[in-house]
Protein backbone atom coordinates (compact mmCIF):
# COMPACT_ATOMS: atom_id res chain seq x y z
CA MET A 1 101.73 7.97 79.45
CA LEU A 2 104.53 5.61 78.43
CA SER A 3 107.78 6.83 79.95
CA SER A 4 110.97 5.27 78.59
CA PHE A 5 111.97 3.60 81.88
CA TYR A 6 108.50 2.03 82.26
CA VAL A 7 108.59 0.70 78.71
CA GLU A 8 112.12 -0.65 79.08
CA ASP A 9 111.28 -2.50 82.29
CA HIS A 10 108.16 -3.99 80.72
CA VAL A 11 110.08 -5.01 77.58
CA LYS A 12 112.84 -6.65 79.65
CA ALA A 13 110.27 -8.74 81.50
CA ALA A 14 108.61 -9.72 78.21
CA LEU A 15 111.96 -10.76 76.71
CA MET A 16 112.87 -12.78 79.79
CA GLU A 17 109.54 -14.59 79.52
CA ASP A 18 110.01 -15.36 75.82
CA ILE A 19 113.72 -16.13 75.62
CA GLY A 20 113.98 -18.07 78.87
CA PHE A 21 117.46 -19.58 79.14
CA GLY A 22 118.23 -18.99 75.46
CA ASP A 23 116.84 -19.34 71.95
CA VAL A 24 117.91 -22.88 71.13
CA THR A 25 116.96 -22.44 67.48
CA THR A 26 118.50 -19.07 66.60
CA GLU A 27 121.66 -19.56 68.63
CA SER A 28 122.30 -22.82 66.79
CA ILE A 29 122.13 -21.08 63.41
CA LEU A 30 123.56 -17.57 63.86
CA GLY A 31 126.50 -16.00 65.63
CA GLU A 32 127.09 -12.42 66.78
CA ASP A 33 128.64 -11.05 63.59
CA GLU A 34 126.23 -12.02 60.81
CA ILE A 35 124.42 -8.84 59.79
CA PHE A 36 120.93 -8.88 58.30
CA SER A 37 118.20 -6.38 57.55
CA ALA A 38 114.45 -6.63 57.94
CA ARG A 39 111.31 -4.59 57.33
CA LEU A 40 108.22 -4.10 59.44
CA ALA A 41 105.45 -4.28 56.87
CA SER A 42 101.69 -3.81 57.03
CA ARG A 43 99.37 -6.43 55.60
CA CYS A 44 96.16 -4.47 56.12
CA GLU A 45 94.69 -1.02 56.78
CA GLY A 46 94.54 0.45 60.24
CA VAL A 47 96.00 2.88 62.76
CA ILE A 48 99.57 2.10 63.71
CA CYS A 49 100.55 2.19 67.39
CA GLY A 50 103.46 0.97 69.49
CA LEU A 51 106.32 1.79 67.14
CA GLU A 52 108.55 3.24 69.86
CA VAL A 53 107.89 0.14 71.98
CA PHE A 54 108.78 -2.02 68.97
CA LYS A 55 112.04 -0.08 68.68
CA THR A 56 112.76 -0.46 72.40
CA VAL A 57 112.71 -4.27 72.13
CA PHE A 58 115.74 -4.24 69.85
CA LYS A 59 117.42 -1.45 71.81
CA VAL A 60 117.25 -3.60 74.93
CA LEU A 61 118.61 -6.65 73.10
CA SER A 62 121.62 -4.96 71.52
CA PRO A 63 122.91 -1.46 70.70
CA LYS A 64 124.15 -2.94 67.42
CA VAL A 65 120.58 -3.13 66.09
CA LYS A 66 119.46 0.03 64.29
CA VAL A 67 115.75 0.69 63.83
CA GLU A 68 114.44 3.48 61.60
CA LEU A 69 110.76 4.29 62.03
CA LEU A 70 109.05 5.46 58.84
CA PHE A 71 105.67 6.19 60.44
CA LYS A 72 104.58 7.51 63.83
CA ASP A 73 101.90 6.36 66.25
CA GLY A 74 98.46 7.46 65.14
CA ASP A 75 99.21 7.39 61.43
CA LYS A 76 96.72 5.68 59.14
CA ILE A 77 98.42 2.85 57.27
CA LYS A 78 97.45 0.68 54.33
CA LYS A 79 98.38 -2.77 53.09
CA GLY A 80 101.95 -2.89 51.81
CA ASP A 81 103.29 0.09 53.77
CA ILE A 82 106.82 -0.29 55.13
CA LEU A 83 106.57 0.96 58.70
CA ALA A 84 110.19 0.54 59.82
CA THR A 85 113.54 -0.86 58.73
CA ILE A 86 115.81 -2.84 61.04
CA GLU A 87 119.48 -3.72 60.58
CA GLY A 88 121.94 -5.54 62.82
CA PRO A 89 123.11 -8.98 63.93
CA GLY A 90 120.54 -11.44 62.68
CA LYS A 91 120.58 -13.19 66.05
CA TYR A 92 118.97 -10.22 67.78
CA LEU A 93 116.50 -9.58 64.99
CA LEU A 94 115.19 -13.11 65.46
CA LEU A 95 115.37 -13.01 69.26
CA GLY A 96 113.19 -9.90 69.39
CA GLU A 97 110.85 -10.56 66.49
CA ARG A 98 107.91 -12.13 68.34
CA VAL A 99 107.97 -9.85 71.37
CA ALA A 100 108.27 -6.70 69.22
CA LEU A 101 105.40 -7.83 67.01
CA ASN A 102 103.24 -8.75 70.01
CA TYR A 103 103.43 -5.16 71.23
CA VAL A 104 102.81 -3.42 67.92
CA GLN A 105 100.10 -5.82 66.70
CA ARG A 106 98.12 -5.62 69.95
CA MET A 107 98.49 -1.87 70.38
CA SER A 108 97.67 -1.14 66.73
CA GLY A 109 94.60 -3.38 66.93
CA ILE A 110 93.25 -1.37 69.88
CA ALA A 111 94.05 1.97 68.23
CA THR A 112 92.32 0.82 65.04
CA GLU A 113 89.21 -0.44 66.84
CA THR A 114 88.94 2.72 68.94
CA ASN A 115 89.22 4.84 65.82
CA LYS A 116 86.32 2.96 64.22
CA TYR A 117 84.09 3.72 67.20
CA GLN A 118 85.09 7.38 67.40
CA GLN A 119 84.60 7.78 63.65
CA ALA A 120 81.14 6.24 63.97
CA ILE A 121 80.22 8.95 66.50
CA GLY A 122 81.39 11.48 63.93
CA ASP A 123 80.87 15.16 64.70
CA LEU A 124 78.56 14.59 67.68
CA PRO A 125 79.88 16.16 70.94
CA CYS A 126 80.56 12.79 72.56
CA LYS A 127 83.69 10.78 73.34
CA ILE A 128 84.31 7.04 73.32
CA VAL A 129 86.30 5.95 76.39
CA ASP A 130 87.78 2.72 77.67
CA THR A 131 87.13 0.73 80.86
CA ARG A 132 89.18 -1.26 83.39
CA LYS A 133 88.54 -4.46 81.44
CA THR A 134 92.17 -4.68 80.38
CA THR A 135 94.92 -7.29 80.23
CA PRO A 136 96.66 -7.59 83.62
CA GLY A 137 100.07 -5.93 83.44
CA PHE A 138 99.37 -4.36 80.05
CA ARG A 139 96.90 -1.61 81.02
CA ALA A 140 99.20 1.36 80.38
CA PHE A 141 99.91 0.16 76.84
CA GLU A 142 96.24 -0.51 76.13
CA LYS A 143 95.11 2.86 77.43
CA TYR A 144 97.86 4.60 75.46
CA SER A 145 96.56 2.79 72.36
CA VAL A 146 93.01 4.02 73.01
CA LYS A 147 94.33 7.58 73.16
CA VAL A 148 96.32 7.11 69.93
CA GLY A 149 93.18 5.80 68.24
CA GLY A 150 91.32 9.02 69.02
CA GLY A 151 89.45 7.92 72.13
CA ALA A 152 89.54 9.35 75.64
CA LEU A 153 90.42 7.63 78.90
CA HIS A 154 88.32 6.56 81.85
CA ARG A 155 89.94 6.15 85.27
CA PHE A 156 93.26 4.34 85.18
CA ASN A 157 92.74 2.45 88.44
CA LEU A 158 90.56 2.32 91.55
CA SER A 159 92.27 5.31 93.19
CA ASP A 160 91.57 7.76 90.35
CA CYS A 161 87.87 8.34 90.91
CA ALA A 162 85.16 7.17 93.32
CA MET A 163 82.88 5.05 91.15
CA ILE A 164 79.80 3.79 93.00
CA LYS A 165 78.45 0.73 91.20
CA ASP A 166 75.41 -1.48 91.78
CA ASN A 167 77.18 -3.74 94.28
CA HIS A 168 78.35 -0.72 96.28
CA ILE A 169 74.76 0.51 96.45
CA GLN A 170 73.62 -2.95 97.50
CA VAL A 171 76.03 -3.21 100.42
CA ALA A 172 75.52 0.44 101.46
CA GLY A 173 71.74 0.02 101.50
CA SER A 174 70.81 2.86 99.12
CA VAL A 175 72.13 5.38 96.61
CA THR A 176 71.94 8.15 99.22
CA ASN A 177 73.84 6.20 101.85
CA ALA A 178 76.52 5.09 99.38
CA VAL A 179 77.16 8.66 98.22
CA LYS A 180 77.22 10.03 101.79
CA LEU A 181 79.71 7.38 102.92
CA VAL A 182 82.02 8.07 99.98
CA LYS A 183 81.83 11.85 100.44
CA ALA A 184 82.74 11.51 104.11
CA ASN A 185 86.02 9.80 103.23
CA LEU A 186 86.96 11.26 99.85
CA SER A 187 89.68 13.75 99.00
CA HIS A 188 88.56 17.10 97.58
CA ALA A 189 90.58 16.24 94.47
CA HIS A 190 88.44 13.24 93.52
CA LYS A 191 85.24 13.14 91.50
CA ILE A 192 82.29 10.86 92.26
CA GLU A 193 80.65 8.75 89.58
CA LEU A 194 77.40 6.90 90.22
CA GLU A 195 76.11 3.97 88.21
CA CYS A 196 72.33 4.12 87.73
CA ASP A 197 70.12 1.37 86.34
CA THR A 198 66.83 3.27 86.66
CA LEU A 199 65.42 6.77 86.37
CA GLU A 200 64.39 6.53 90.03
CA GLN A 201 68.03 6.16 91.05
CA ILE A 202 68.90 9.25 89.00
CA LYS A 203 66.17 11.27 90.74
CA GLU A 204 67.59 10.17 94.08
CA ALA A 205 71.14 11.02 93.02
CA LEU A 206 70.67 14.52 91.61
CA PRO A 207 70.31 16.38 94.94
CA LEU A 208 73.43 14.58 96.24
CA GLY A 209 75.83 16.43 93.96
CA VAL A 210 77.62 13.60 92.18
CA ASP A 211 79.89 14.61 89.30
CA ILE A 212 79.15 11.85 86.79
CA ILE A 213 76.07 9.70 86.30
CA MET A 214 76.50 6.49 84.37
CA LEU A 215 73.45 5.15 82.54
CA ASP A 216 73.95 1.40 82.78
CA ASN A 217 72.33 -0.84 80.17
CA MET A 218 69.45 1.54 79.51
CA THR A 219 67.39 1.58 76.34
CA LEU A 220 67.74 4.49 73.92
CA GLU A 221 64.44 5.95 75.11
CA GLN A 222 65.49 5.67 78.75
CA MET A 223 68.79 7.38 77.96
CA LYS A 224 67.05 10.28 76.22
CA GLU A 225 64.76 10.72 79.22
CA ALA A 226 67.71 10.50 81.60
CA VAL A 227 69.66 13.19 79.72
CA GLU A 228 66.64 15.53 79.96
CA LEU A 229 66.22 14.71 83.63
CA ILE A 230 69.89 15.38 84.49
CA ASP A 231 69.84 18.60 82.45
CA HIS A 232 73.61 19.31 82.60
CA ARG A 233 73.74 18.92 86.40
CA ALA A 234 76.27 16.10 85.96
CA THR A 235 78.37 14.59 83.18
CA VAL A 236 76.35 11.80 81.56
CA GLU A 237 78.06 8.53 80.67
CA ALA A 238 76.41 5.65 78.82
CA SER A 239 77.63 2.09 79.26
CA GLY A 240 76.51 -1.41 78.38
CA ASN A 241 75.67 -3.04 75.04
CA VAL A 242 77.92 -0.64 73.16
CA HIS A 243 78.79 -1.99 69.73
CA LEU A 244 80.02 -0.44 66.52
CA ASP A 245 76.50 -0.52 65.05
CA THR A 246 74.89 1.06 68.15
CA VAL A 247 77.45 3.62 69.30
CA ARG A 248 76.16 6.49 67.13
CA LYS A 249 72.55 5.92 68.20
CA ILE A 250 73.70 6.10 71.81
CA ALA A 251 75.62 9.32 71.12
CA GLU A 252 72.51 10.82 69.52
CA CYS A 253 70.74 10.48 72.90
CA GLY A 254 72.80 13.44 74.10
CA VAL A 255 75.21 11.67 76.45
CA ASP A 256 78.68 13.15 77.00
CA ILE A 257 80.67 9.94 77.28
CA ILE A 258 80.26 6.38 76.00
CA SER A 259 82.37 3.79 77.78
CA SER A 260 83.02 0.47 76.11
CA SER A 261 85.21 -2.50 76.95
CA ALA A 262 84.95 -3.69 73.34
CA ILE A 263 87.55 -1.23 72.02
CA VAL A 264 90.17 -3.07 74.09
CA ALA A 265 88.84 -6.48 75.09
CA LYS A 266 87.42 -7.36 71.67
CA ALA A 267 89.92 -5.57 69.45
CA PRO A 268 91.61 -7.94 66.97
CA THR A 269 95.35 -7.64 66.50
CA LEU A 270 96.51 -5.71 63.43
CA ASP A 271 98.30 -7.80 60.83
CA VAL A 272 101.86 -6.49 60.55
CA ALA A 273 104.93 -8.66 59.94
CA LEU A 274 108.70 -8.61 60.21
CA ASP A 275 110.22 -9.75 56.93
CA MET A 276 113.93 -10.62 56.86
């Protein structure tokens, strides 16, 4: 998902944003030849993610900076773990510190939060997936982090899958009309997902041959009834009011997929630090 050229371009833009026309503090204190070492250390438990991106920040700044990664993305970490060592001109260590940490803290926070949700589902045959409620310009990194945390991915953007939501149904006039209009214009390679708020909408949708039916903000009892009604004729996705304390109960309803924006939008950053 994260090719090296994509990461490098993103990192360059992030460094340009942060450094501006120069680091007036660091460049007043350090020159090019003063060598220092630092450690990336964990201050809490979690799932580490974004280490290669962290490394890329210093690679872009200077080939003189050497980064040795001691863990890999997806590893469980605990407080006090040394995740990487860095050595090189102190100027570049300080120039890249905040940007490098921003990537790894944010990505690790998402991976950790996703892992909590997937672990809560346990051995049930159901997957937690993300949504398009992501940070503009950072979606690829956030979706990668979901995958590292053990989750699965929903569509990446609007062109991946035809997803007929309540407002589409409203402007089309009905579920049937919305599905027919989409089918008339869709590539054979695309799937169709339909958001349903009621059991009546599901009954209307089933003869239309949609691939995925999303149960939107339904109660547990409604979801159980919907799963029986659909009876494997479409993939069943549950969405809405998904929290860490409700996700297993939703999975127990028999749905195939649970989509949640919380694993990205509400994930706290993971506390890791760069110590000189």
